[in-house]
PDB file of N, CA and C in Angstrom:
ATOM      1  N   MET A   1     -50.870 -21.893  13.199  1.00  0.00           N
ATOM      2  CA  MET A   1     -49.976 -22.179  12.361  1.00  0.00           C
ATOM      3  C   MET A   1     -48.726 -23.090  13.302  1.00  0.00           C
ATOM      4  N   GLU A   2     -48.422 -24.171  12.973  1.00  0.00           N
ATOM      5  CA  GLU A   2     -47.364 -24.799  13.749  1.00  0.00           C
ATOM      6  C   GLU A   2     -46.391 -24.097  13.224  1.00  0.00           C
ATOM      7  N   ILE A   3     -45.224 -24.234  14.029  1.00  0.00           N
ATOM      8  CA  ILE A   3     -43.560 -23.787  14.090  1.00  0.00           C
ATOM      9  C   ILE A   3     -42.718 -24.492  15.459  1.00  0.00           C
ATOM     10  N   SER A   4     -41.865 -25.193  15.060  1.00  0.00           N
ATOM     11  CA  SER A   4     -41.160 -26.289  15.767  1.00  0.00           C
ATOM     12  C   SER A   4     -40.278 -25.236  16.987  1.00  0.00           C
ATOM     13  N   CYS A   5     -40.090 -25.766  18.074  1.00  0.00           N
ATOM     14  CA  CYS A   5     -38.997 -24.812  19.198  1.00  0.00           C
ATOM     15  C   CYS A   5     -37.801 -24.472  18.390  1.00  0.00           C
ATOM     16  N   LEU A   6     -36.911 -24.983  17.451  1.00  0.00           N
ATOM     17  CA  LEU A   6     -35.792 -25.038  16.987  1.00  0.00           C
ATOM     18  C   LEU A   6     -35.955 -24.152  15.931  1.00  0.00           C
ATOM     19  N   GLN A   7     -37.148 -24.285  15.077  1.00  0.00           N
ATOM     20  CA  GLN A   7     -37.225 -23.542  13.847  1.00  0.00           C
ATOM     21  C   GLN A   7     -37.679 -22.405  14.115  1.00  0.00           C
ATOM     22  N   PHE A   8     -38.298 -22.129  15.509  1.00  0.00           N
ATOM     23  CA  PHE A   8     -38.662 -20.561  15.966  1.00  0.00           C
ATOM     24  C   PHE A   8     -37.269 -19.894  16.334  1.00  0.00           C
ATOM     25  N   GLU A   9     -36.355 -20.558  17.233  1.00  0.00           N
ATOM     26  CA  GLU A   9     -35.018 -19.488  17.476  1.00  0.00           C
ATOM     27  C   GLU A   9     -34.201 -19.673  16.235  1.00  0.00           C
ATOM     28  N   GLU A  10     -34.452 -20.340  15.539  1.00  0.00           N
ATOM     29  CA  GLU A  10     -33.466 -19.920  14.442  1.00  0.00           C
ATOM     30  C   GLU A  10     -33.585 -18.973  13.468  1.00  0.00           C
ATOM     31  N   MET A  11     -34.759 -18.705  13.079  1.00  0.00           N
ATOM     32  CA  MET A  11     -35.480 -17.593  12.838  1.00  0.00           C
ATOM     33  C   MET A  11     -35.334 -16.057  13.754  1.00  0.00           C
ATOM     34  N   ILE A  12     -35.465 -16.174  14.772  1.00  0.00           N
ATOM     35  CA  ILE A  12     -35.170 -15.128  15.706  1.00  0.00           C
ATOM     36  C   ILE A  12     -33.635 -15.097  15.825  1.00  0.00           C
ATOM     37  N   ASP A  13     -32.825 -15.826  15.730  1.00  0.00           N
ATOM     38  CA  ASP A  13     -31.261 -15.933  15.654  1.00  0.00           C
ATOM     39  C   ASP A  13     -30.831 -15.394  14.155  1.00  0.00           C
ATOM     40  N   ARG A  14     -31.565 -15.396  13.194  1.00  0.00           N
ATOM     41  CA  ARG A  14     -31.080 -15.122  11.859  1.00  0.00           C
ATOM     42  C   ARG A  14     -31.338 -13.176  11.966  1.00  0.00           C
ATOM     43  N   LEU A  15     -32.483 -13.452  12.580  1.00  0.00           N
ATOM     44  CA  LEU A  15     -32.924 -11.811  12.279  1.00  0.00           C
ATOM     45  C   LEU A  15     -31.907 -10.999  13.484  1.00  0.00           C
ATOM     46  N   GLU A  16     -31.504 -11.615  14.574  1.00  0.00           N
ATOM     47  CA  GLU A  16     -30.855 -10.808  15.294  1.00  0.00           C
ATOM     48  C   GLU A  16     -29.572 -10.503  14.595  1.00  0.00           C
ATOM     49  N   LYS A  17     -29.054 -11.438  14.036  1.00  0.00           N
ATOM     50  CA  LYS A  17     -27.364 -11.385  13.592  1.00  0.00           C
ATOM     51  C   LYS A  17     -27.528 -10.599  12.171  1.00  0.00           C
ATOM     52  N   GLY A  18     -28.557 -10.321  11.523  1.00  0.00           N
ATOM     53  CA  GLY A  18     -28.835  -9.890  10.442  1.00  0.00           C
ATOM     54  C   GLY A  18     -29.302  -8.364  10.758  1.00  0.00           C
ATOM     55  N   SER A  19     -29.385  -7.979  12.075  1.00  0.00           N
ATOM     56  CA  SER A  19     -29.894  -6.706  11.947  1.00  0.00           C
ATOM     57  C   SER A  19     -28.846  -5.726  12.683  1.00  0.00           C
ATOM     58  N   GLY A  20     -27.929  -6.271  13.242  1.00  0.00           N
ATOM     59  CA  GLY A  20     -26.874  -5.368  14.139  1.00  0.00           C
ATOM     60  C   GLY A  20     -27.674  -4.221  15.277  1.00  0.00           C
ATOM     61  N   GLN A  21     -27.364  -3.075  14.974  1.00  0.00           N
ATOM     62  CA  GLN A  21     -27.558  -2.042  15.546  1.00  0.00           C
ATOM     63  C   GLN A  21     -29.242  -1.486  15.537  1.00  0.00           C
ATOM     64  N   GLN A  22     -29.761  -2.129  14.631  1.00  0.00           N
ATOM     65  CA  GLN A  22     -30.799  -1.139  14.083  1.00  0.00           C
ATOM     66  C   GLN A  22     -31.875  -2.504  13.533  1.00  0.00           C
ATOM     67  N   LEU A  23     -33.129  -2.173  13.458  1.00  0.00           N
ATOM     68  CA  LEU A  23     -34.157  -2.881  13.301  1.00  0.00           C
ATOM     69  C   LEU A  23     -34.217  -3.439  11.932  1.00  0.00           C
ATOM     70  N   VAL A  24     -33.984  -4.861  11.397  1.00  0.00           N
ATOM     71  CA  VAL A  24     -34.409  -4.892   9.957  1.00  0.00           C
ATOM     72  C   VAL A  24     -35.720  -4.496   9.663  1.00  0.00           C
ATOM     73  N   SER A  25     -36.064  -4.046   8.620  1.00  0.00           N
ATOM     74  CA  SER A  25     -37.412  -4.138   8.050  1.00  0.00           C
ATOM     75  C   SER A  25     -38.479  -5.288   7.760  1.00  0.00           C
ATOM     76  N   LEU A  26     -39.396  -5.363   7.321  1.00  0.00           N
ATOM     77  CA  LEU A  26     -40.359  -6.306   7.075  1.00  0.00           C
ATOM     78  C   LEU A  26     -39.825  -7.180   5.671  1.00  0.00           C
ATOM     79  N   PRO A  27     -39.474  -6.377   4.572  1.00  0.00           N
ATOM     80  CA  PRO A  27     -38.738  -6.727   3.175  1.00  0.00           C
ATOM     81  C   PRO A  27     -37.661  -7.428   3.677  1.00  0.00           C
ATOM     82  N   GLU A  28     -36.687  -6.846   4.000  1.00  0.00           N
ATOM     83  CA  GLU A  28     -35.521  -7.376   4.509  1.00  0.00           C
ATOM     84  C   GLU A  28     -35.851  -8.716   5.289  1.00  0.00           C
ATOM     85  N   ALA A  29     -36.173  -8.797   6.249  1.00  0.00           N
ATOM     86  CA  ALA A  29     -36.837  -9.709   7.046  1.00  0.00           C
ATOM     87  C   ALA A  29     -37.018 -11.323   6.100  1.00  0.00           C
ATOM     88  N   LYS A  30     -37.821 -10.675   5.156  1.00  0.00           N
ATOM     89  CA  LYS A  30     -38.497 -12.165   4.407  1.00  0.00           C
ATOM     90  C   LYS A  30     -37.207 -12.119   3.563  1.00  0.00           C
ATOM     91  N   LEU A  31     -36.408 -11.766   3.129  1.00  0.00           N
ATOM     92  CA  LEU A  31     -35.045 -11.965   2.614  1.00  0.00           C
ATOM     93  C   LEU A  31     -34.016 -12.882   3.300  1.00  0.00           C
ATOM     94  N   LEU A  32     -34.068 -12.411   4.673  1.00  0.00           N
ATOM     95  CA  LEU A  32     -33.240 -13.239   5.486  1.00  0.00           C
ATOM     96  C   LEU A  32     -33.461 -14.654   5.618  1.00  0.00           C
ATOM     97  N   LEU A  33     -35.047 -14.735   6.244  1.00  0.00           N
ATOM     98  CA  LEU A  33     -35.890 -15.708   6.709  1.00  0.00           C
ATOM     99  C   LEU A  33     -36.269 -16.801   5.546  1.00  0.00           C
ATOM    100  N   LYS A  34     -36.816 -16.565   4.311  1.00  0.00           N
ATOM    101  CA  LYS A  34     -37.210 -17.546   3.570  1.00  0.00           C
ATOM    102  C   LYS A  34     -38.140 -18.368   3.788  1.00  0.00           C
ATOM    103  N   GLU A  35     -39.375 -18.338   4.326  1.00  0.00           N
ATOM    104  CA  GLU A  35     -40.144 -19.122   5.055  1.00  0.00           C
ATOM    105  C   GLU A  35     -41.456 -18.646   4.410  1.00  0.00           C
ATOM    106  N   ASP A  36     -42.567 -18.911   4.680  1.00  0.00           N
ATOM    107  CA  ASP A  36     -43.918 -18.357   4.393  1.00  0.00           C
ATOM    108  C   ASP A  36     -44.051 -17.012   4.876  1.00  0.00           C
ATOM    109  N   ASP A  37     -44.815 -16.061   4.329  1.00  0.00           N
ATOM    110  CA  ASP A  37     -44.918 -15.249   4.286  1.00  0.00           C
ATOM    111  C   ASP A  37     -45.738 -14.684   5.640  1.00  0.00           C
ATOM    112  N   GLU A  38     -47.069 -15.154   6.074  1.00  0.00           N
ATOM    113  CA  GLU A  38     -47.721 -15.285   7.078  1.00  0.00           C
ATOM    114  C   GLU A  38     -46.806 -15.504   8.564  1.00  0.00           C
ATOM    115  N   LEU A  39     -46.178 -16.711   8.515  1.00  0.00           N
ATOM    116  CA  LEU A  39     -45.323 -16.818   9.823  1.00  0.00           C
ATOM    117  C   LEU A  39     -43.993 -16.201   9.881  1.00  0.00           C
ATOM    118  N   ILE A  40     -43.266 -15.630   8.670  1.00  0.00           N
ATOM    119  CA  ILE A  40     -42.493 -14.490   8.926  1.00  0.00           C
ATOM    120  C   ILE A  40     -43.020 -13.171   9.292  1.00  0.00           C
ATOM    121  N   LYS A  41     -44.336 -12.761   8.980  1.00  0.00           N
ATOM    122  CA  LYS A  41     -44.784 -11.592   9.590  1.00  0.00           C
ATOM    123  C   LYS A  41     -44.924 -11.661  11.172  1.00  0.00           C
ATOM    124  N   GLU A  42     -45.435 -12.873  11.476  1.00  0.00           N
ATOM    125  CA  GLU A  42     -45.668 -13.244  12.980  1.00  0.00           C
ATOM    126  C   GLU A  42     -44.809 -13.162  13.583  1.00  0.00           C
ATOM    127  N   VAL A  43     -43.790 -13.785  13.644  1.00  0.00           N
ATOM    128  CA  VAL A  43     -42.264 -14.002  13.706  1.00  0.00           C
ATOM    129  C   VAL A  43     -41.577 -12.509  13.892  1.00  0.00           C
ATOM    130  N   PHE A  44     -41.762 -12.000  12.808  1.00  0.00           N
ATOM    131  CA  PHE A  44     -41.040 -10.526  12.850  1.00  0.00           C
ATOM    132  C   PHE A  44     -41.712  -9.470  13.742  1.00  0.00           C
ATOM    133  N   ASP A  45     -43.263  -9.625  13.731  1.00  0.00           N
ATOM    134  CA  ASP A  45     -43.540  -8.831  14.684  1.00  0.00           C
ATOM    135  C   ASP A  45     -43.576  -8.861  16.066  1.00  0.00           C
ATOM    136  N   TYR A  46     -43.249 -10.319  16.535  1.00  0.00           N
ATOM    137  CA  TYR A  46     -43.338 -10.844  18.040  1.00  0.00           C
ATOM    138  C   TYR A  46     -41.484 -10.629  18.164  1.00  0.00           C
ATOM    139  N   TRP A  47     -40.522 -10.539  17.534  1.00  0.00           N
ATOM    140  CA  TRP A  47     -39.167 -10.012  17.250  1.00  0.00           C
ATOM    141  C   TRP A  47     -39.118  -8.835  17.735  1.00  0.00           C
ATOM    142  N   SER A  48     -39.462  -8.073  16.900  1.00  0.00           N
ATOM    143  CA  SER A  48     -39.659  -6.514  16.747  1.00  0.00           C
ATOM    144  C   SER A  48     -40.191  -5.795  18.150  1.00  0.00           C
ATOM    145  N   ARG A  49     -41.463  -6.524  18.865  1.00  0.00           N
ATOM    146  CA  ARG A  49     -41.899  -5.985  20.108  1.00  0.00           C
ATOM    147  C   ARG A  49     -40.817  -6.405  21.042  1.00  0.00           C
ATOM    148  N   LYS A  50     -40.002  -7.307  21.270  1.00  0.00           N
ATOM    149  CA  LYS A  50     -39.232  -8.072  22.011  1.00  0.00           C
ATOM    150  C   LYS A  50     -38.155  -7.018  22.188  1.00  0.00           C
ATOM    151  N   ARG A  51     -37.577  -6.993  20.765  1.00  0.00           N
ATOM    152  CA  ARG A  51     -36.076  -5.904  20.934  1.00  0.00           C
ATOM    153  C   ARG A  51     -37.011  -4.438  21.429  1.00  0.00           C
ATOM    154  N   LYS A  52     -37.748  -4.116  20.898  1.00  0.00           N
ATOM    155  CA  LYS A  52     -38.499  -2.344  21.163  1.00  0.00           C
ATOM    156  C   LYS A  52     -38.493  -2.384  22.774  1.00  0.00           C
ATOM    157  N   ASN A  53     -38.887  -3.526  23.598  1.00  0.00           N
ATOM    158  CA  ASN A  53     -39.292  -3.285  25.010  1.00  0.00           C
ATOM    159  C   ASN A  53     -37.709  -3.875  25.468  1.00  0.00           C
ATOM    160  N   SER A  54     -36.738  -4.007  25.070  1.00  0.00           N
ATOM    161  CA  SER A  54     -35.485  -4.785  25.674  1.00  0.00           C
ATOM    162  C   SER A  54     -34.840  -3.477  26.184  1.00  0.00           C
ATOM    163  N   LYS A  55     -33.845  -3.465  27.037  1.00  0.00           N
ATOM    164  CA  LYS A  55     -33.246  -2.205  27.143  1.00  0.00           C
ATOM    165  C   LYS A  55     -32.011  -2.513  26.383  1.00  0.00           C
ATOM    166  N   ALA A  56     -31.617  -3.451  26.156  1.00  0.00           N
ATOM    167  CA  ALA A  56     -30.182  -3.825  25.419  1.00  0.00           C
ATOM    168  C   ALA A  56     -30.432  -3.712  23.986  1.00  0.00           C
ATOM    169  N   ASN A  57     -29.295  -3.601  23.328  1.00  0.00           N
ATOM    170  CA  ASN A  57     -29.500  -3.386  21.571  1.00  0.00           C
ATOM    171  C   ASN A  57     -29.834  -4.569  20.808  1.00  0.00           C
ATOM    172  N   SER A  58     -29.521  -6.056  21.823  1.00  0.00           N
ATOM    173  CA  SER A  58     -30.113  -7.072  21.169  1.00  0.00           C
ATOM    174  C   SER A  58     -30.698  -8.047  22.335  1.00  0.00           C
ATOM    175  N   LEU A  59     -31.413  -9.403  21.654  1.00  0.00           N
ATOM    176  CA  LEU A  59     -31.909  -9.687  22.131  1.00  0.00           C
ATOM    177  C   LEU A  59     -31.055 -10.883  22.910  1.00  0.00           C
ATOM    178  N   ILE A  60     -29.812 -11.143  22.121  1.00  0.00           N
ATOM    179  CA  ILE A  60     -28.633 -12.014  22.493  1.00  0.00           C
ATOM    180  C   ILE A  60     -27.938 -11.365  23.412  1.00  0.00           C
ATOM    181  N   PRO A  61     -27.342 -12.206  24.643  1.00  0.00           N
ATOM    182  CA  PRO A  61     -26.651 -11.567  25.729  1.00  0.00           C
ATOM    183  C   PRO A  61     -24.972 -11.156  24.976  1.00  0.00           C
ATOM    184  N   THR A  62     -24.316 -10.142  25.141  1.00  0.00           N
ATOM    185  CA  THR A  62     -23.016 -10.415  24.860  1.00  0.00           C
ATOM    186  C   THR A  62     -22.247  -9.548  25.813  1.00  0.00           C
ATOM    187  N   VAL A  63     -21.113  -9.998  26.243  1.00  0.00           N
ATOM    188  CA  VAL A  63     -19.927  -9.467  26.990  1.00  0.00           C
ATOM    189  C   VAL A  63     -19.414  -7.863  26.494  1.00  0.00           C
ATOM    190  N   LYS A  64     -19.416  -7.028  27.522  1.00  0.00           N
ATOM    191  CA  LYS A  64     -19.119  -5.766  27.381  1.00  0.00           C
ATOM    192  C   LYS A  64     -17.195  -5.870  27.262  1.00  0.00           C
ATOM    193  N   GLN A  65     -16.470  -5.164  26.033  1.00  0.00           N
ATOM    194  CA  GLN A  65     -15.174  -5.297  25.959  1.00  0.00           C
ATOM    195  C   GLN A  65     -14.776  -3.790  25.689  1.00  0.00           C
ATOM    196  N   GLU A  66     -13.850  -3.771  25.947  1.00  0.00           N
ATOM    197  CA  GLU A  66     -13.013  -2.404  25.702  1.00  0.00           C
ATOM    198  C   GLU A  66     -12.818  -2.429  24.389  1.00  0.00           C
ATOM    199  N   LYS A  67     -12.767  -0.684  24.027  1.00  0.00           N
ATOM    200  CA  LYS A  67     -12.781  -0.450  22.465  1.00  0.00           C
ATOM    201  C   LYS A  67     -11.333  -0.382  21.707  1.00  0.00           C
ATOM    202  N   ARG A  68     -11.357  -1.477  20.502  1.00  0.00           N
ATOM    203  CA  ARG A  68     -10.222  -1.614  20.035  1.00  0.00           C
ATOM    204  C   ARG A  68      -9.058  -0.364  19.942  1.00  0.00           C
ATOM    205  N   ASP A  69      -9.590   0.748  19.954  1.00  0.00           N
ATOM    206  CA  ASP A  69      -8.680   1.867  19.938  1.00  0.00           C
ATOM    207  C   ASP A  69      -8.318   2.425  20.750  1.00  0.00           C
ATOM    208  N   GLY A  70      -8.307   1.893  22.339  1.00  0.00           N
ATOM    209  CA  GLY A  70      -7.595   1.955  23.511  1.00  0.00           C
ATOM    210  C   GLY A  70      -8.277   2.911  24.590  1.00  0.00           C
ATOM    211  N   SER A  71      -9.294   3.506  23.897  1.00  0.00           N
ATOM    212  CA  SER A  71      -9.786   4.660  24.984  1.00  0.00           C
ATOM    213  C   SER A  71     -10.795   3.935  25.722  1.00  0.00           C
ATOM    214  N   SER A  72      -9.966   4.426  27.437  1.00  0.00           N
ATOM    215  CA  SER A  72     -10.994   3.501  28.483  1.00  0.00           C
ATOM    216  C   SER A  72     -11.776   4.658  29.077  1.00  0.00           C
ATOM    217  N   THR A  73     -13.299   3.988  28.958  1.00  0.00           N
ATOM    218  CA  THR A  73     -14.157   5.173  29.809  1.00  0.00           C
ATOM    219  C   THR A  73     -14.325   5.068  31.200  1.00  0.00           C
ATOM    220  N   GLY A  74     -13.525   3.604  31.638  1.00  0.00           N
ATOM    221  CA  GLY A  74     -13.669   3.477  32.933  1.00  0.00           C
ATOM    222  C   GLY A  74     -14.795   2.913  33.495  1.00  0.00           C
ATOM    223  N   ASP A  75     -15.299   2.049  32.469  1.00  0.00           N
ATOM    224  CA  ASP A  75     -16.963   1.477  33.189  1.00  0.00           C
ATOM    225  C   ASP A  75     -16.462   0.074  33.446  1.00  0.00           C
ATOM    226  N   PRO A  76     -16.970   0.211  34.550  1.00  0.00           N
ATOM    227  CA  PRO A  76     -16.966  -1.220  35.909  1.00  0.00           C
ATOM    228  C   PRO A  76     -17.539  -2.582  35.088  1.00  0.00           C
ATOM    229  N   TYR A  77     -18.319  -2.224  34.092  1.00  0.00           N
ATOM    230  CA  TYR A  77     -18.855  -3.416  33.254  1.00  0.00           C
ATOM    231  C   TYR A  77     -18.245  -4.580  32.137  1.00  0.00           C
ATOM    232  N   VAL A  78     -17.076  -3.347  32.100  1.00  0.00           N
ATOM    233  CA  VAL A  78     -16.415  -4.348  30.845  1.00  0.00           C
ATOM    234  C   VAL A  78     -15.651  -5.248  31.404  1.00  0.00           C
ATOM    235  N   ALA A  79     -15.697  -6.459  30.480  1.00  0.00           N
ATOM    236  CA  ALA A  79     -15.429  -7.687  31.298  1.00  0.00           C
ATOM    237  C   ALA A  79     -13.877  -7.785  30.646  1.00  0.00           C
ATOM    238  N   PHE A  80     -13.078  -7.486  29.472  1.00  0.00           N
ATOM    239  CA  PHE A  80     -11.816  -7.748  29.488  1.00  0.00           C
ATOM    240  C   PHE A  80     -11.112  -6.833  29.009  1.00  0.00           C
ATOM    241  N   ARG A  81     -10.066  -6.097  29.772  1.00  0.00           N
ATOM    242  CA  ARG A  81      -9.410  -4.983  29.214  1.00  0.00           C
ATOM    243  C   ARG A  81      -7.877  -5.534  29.057  1.00  0.00           C
ATOM    244  N   ARG A  82      -7.406  -4.544  28.223  1.00  0.00           N
ATOM    245  CA  ARG A  82      -6.213  -4.342  28.184  1.00  0.00           C
ATOM    246  C   ARG A  82      -5.209  -4.447  29.185  1.00  0.00           C
ATOM    247  N   ARG A  83      -4.047  -4.907  29.533  1.00  0.00           N
ATOM    248  CA  ARG A  83      -2.745  -4.470  30.572  1.00  0.00           C
ATOM    249  C   ARG A  83      -2.383  -3.544  30.467  1.00  0.00           C
ATOM    250  N   THR A  84      -2.557  -2.603  31.392  1.00  0.00           N
ATOM    251  CA  THR A  84      -1.683  -0.973  31.242  1.00  0.00           C
ATOM    252  C   THR A  84      -0.370  -0.978  31.340  1.00  0.00           C
ATOM    253  N   GLU A  85       0.112  -1.829  32.370  1.00  0.00           N
ATOM    254  CA  GLU A  85       1.547  -2.136  32.653  1.00  0.00           C
ATOM    255  C   GLU A  85       2.232  -3.386  32.104  1.00  0.00           C
ATOM    256  N   LYS A  86       3.235  -3.650  32.194  1.00  0.00           N
ATOM    257  CA  LYS A  86       4.204  -4.932  31.758  1.00  0.00           C
ATOM    258  C   LYS A  86       4.188  -5.718  33.420  1.00  0.00           C
ATOM    259  N   MET A  87       3.342  -6.894  33.104  1.00  0.00           N
ATOM    260  CA  MET A  87       3.593  -7.677  34.883  1.00  0.00           C
ATOM    261  C   MET A  87       4.999  -8.335  34.773  1.00  0.00           C
ATOM    262  N   GLN A  88       5.745  -8.715  35.901  1.00  0.00           N
ATOM    263  CA  GLN A  88       6.926  -9.243  35.845  1.00  0.00           C
ATOM    264  C   GLN A  88       6.670 -10.540  36.105  1.00  0.00           C
ATOM    265  N   THR A  89       7.254 -11.397  35.082  1.00  0.00           N
ATOM    266  CA  THR A  89       7.034 -13.083  35.622  1.00  0.00           C
ATOM    267  C   THR A  89       7.961 -13.410  37.096  1.00  0.00           C
ATOM    268  N   ARG A  90       7.271 -14.384  37.071  1.00  0.00           N
ATOM    269  CA  ARG A  90       7.669 -15.235  38.356  1.00  0.00           C
ATOM    270  C   ARG A  90       9.383 -15.880  37.964  1.00  0.00           C
ATOM    271  N   LYS A  91      10.362 -16.063  38.882  1.00  0.00           N
ATOM    272  CA  LYS A  91      11.417 -16.636  38.711  1.00  0.00           C
ATOM    273  C   LYS A  91      11.046 -17.523  39.381  1.00  0.00           C
ATOM    274  N   VAL A  92      11.024 -19.257  38.406  1.00  0.00           N
ATOM    275  CA  VAL A  92      10.945 -20.199  39.271  1.00  0.00           C
ATOM    276  C   VAL A  92      12.718 -20.603  39.809  1.00  0.00           C
ATOM    277  N   ARG A  93      12.544 -21.209  40.785  1.00  0.00           N
ATOM    278  CA  ARG A  93      13.552 -21.608  41.393  1.00  0.00           C
ATOM    279  C   ARG A  93      13.966 -23.330  41.554  1.00  0.00           C
ATOM    280  N   PHE A  94      14.362 -23.722  40.573  1.00  0.00           N
ATOM    281  CA  PHE A  94      14.857 -24.939  40.660  1.00  0.00           C
ATOM    282  C   PHE A  94      15.638 -25.497  42.061  1.00  0.00           C
ATOM    283  N   PRO A  95      15.136 -26.914  42.611  1.00  0.00           N
ATOM    284  CA  PRO A  95      16.345 -27.301  43.528  1.00  0.00           C
ATOM    285  C   PRO A  95      17.519 -27.942  43.241  1.00  0.00           C
ATOM    286  N   LYS A  96      18.370 -27.724  43.976  1.00  0.00           N
ATOM    287  CA  LYS A  96      19.992 -28.227  43.568  1.00  0.00           C
ATOM    288  C   LYS A  96      19.768 -29.497  43.965  1.00  0.00           C
ATOM    289  N   PRO A  97      20.756 -30.551  43.447  1.00  0.00           N
ATOM    290  CA  PRO A  97      20.174 -31.920  43.752  1.00  0.00           C
ATOM    291  C   PRO A  97      20.916 -32.547  44.673  1.00  0.00           C
ATOM    292  N   CYS A  98      21.963 -31.872  45.384  1.00  0.00           N
ATOM    293  CA  CYS A  98      22.646 -32.396  46.485  1.00  0.00           C
ATOM    294  C   CYS A  98      21.761 -31.876  47.930  1.00  0.00           C
ATOM    295  N   THR A  99      20.807 -30.909  47.893  1.00  0.00           N
ATOM    296  CA  THR A  99      19.917 -30.318  49.029  1.00  0.00           C
ATOM    297  C   THR A  99      19.494 -31.031  49.986  1.00  0.00           C
ATOM    298  N   HIS A 100      18.873 -32.086  48.954  1.00  0.00           N
ATOM    299  CA  HIS A 100      17.707 -33.297  49.677  1.00  0.00           C
ATOM    300  C   HIS A 100      18.671 -33.955  50.602  1.00  0.00           C
ATOM    301  N   PHE A 101      20.277 -34.028  50.481  1.00  0.00           N
ATOM    302  CA  PHE A 101      20.849 -35.009  51.408  1.00  0.00           C
ATOM    303  C   PHE A 101      21.131 -34.358  53.121  1.00  0.00           C
ATOM    304  N   HIS A 102      21.200 -32.832  53.197  1.00  0.00           N
ATOM    305  CA  HIS A 102      21.292 -32.030  54.029  1.00  0.00           C
ATOM    306  C   HIS A 102      20.292 -32.187  55.122  1.00  0.00           C
ATOM    307  N   ILE A 103      19.142 -33.049  54.628  1.00  0.00           N
ATOM    308  CA  ILE A 103      17.944 -33.123  55.386  1.00  0.00           C
ATOM    309  C   ILE A 103      17.953 -34.016  56.366  1.00  0.00           C
ATOM    310  N   PHE A 104      18.991 -34.856  56.063  1.00  0.00           N
ATOM    311  CA  PHE A 104      18.590 -36.029  57.172  1.00  0.00           C
ATOM    312  C   PHE A 104      19.748 -36.090  57.501  1.00  0.00           C
TER     313      PHE A 104
END
């Protein structure tokens, strides 16, 4: 059975985006993919095997972010955190127009 790389990637992407935290079932995959049943079964079996063997919840890498409720776990792998205190902005000092004459 012939399948292009692009078509295979699109099928895997649709399965990943449609599944979320839990694996989709084969009938749900048939609704998502709308391809030949034999092709869907082979791609679904490959995807589910890869997903189960993966340590992460998803095959698509994601960036860890802090939860919206503001609870901080102190996880060092969280990429983006909210600021806890207000940072003071720098004051820009503009030169006086007559100071450059004093240099000479």
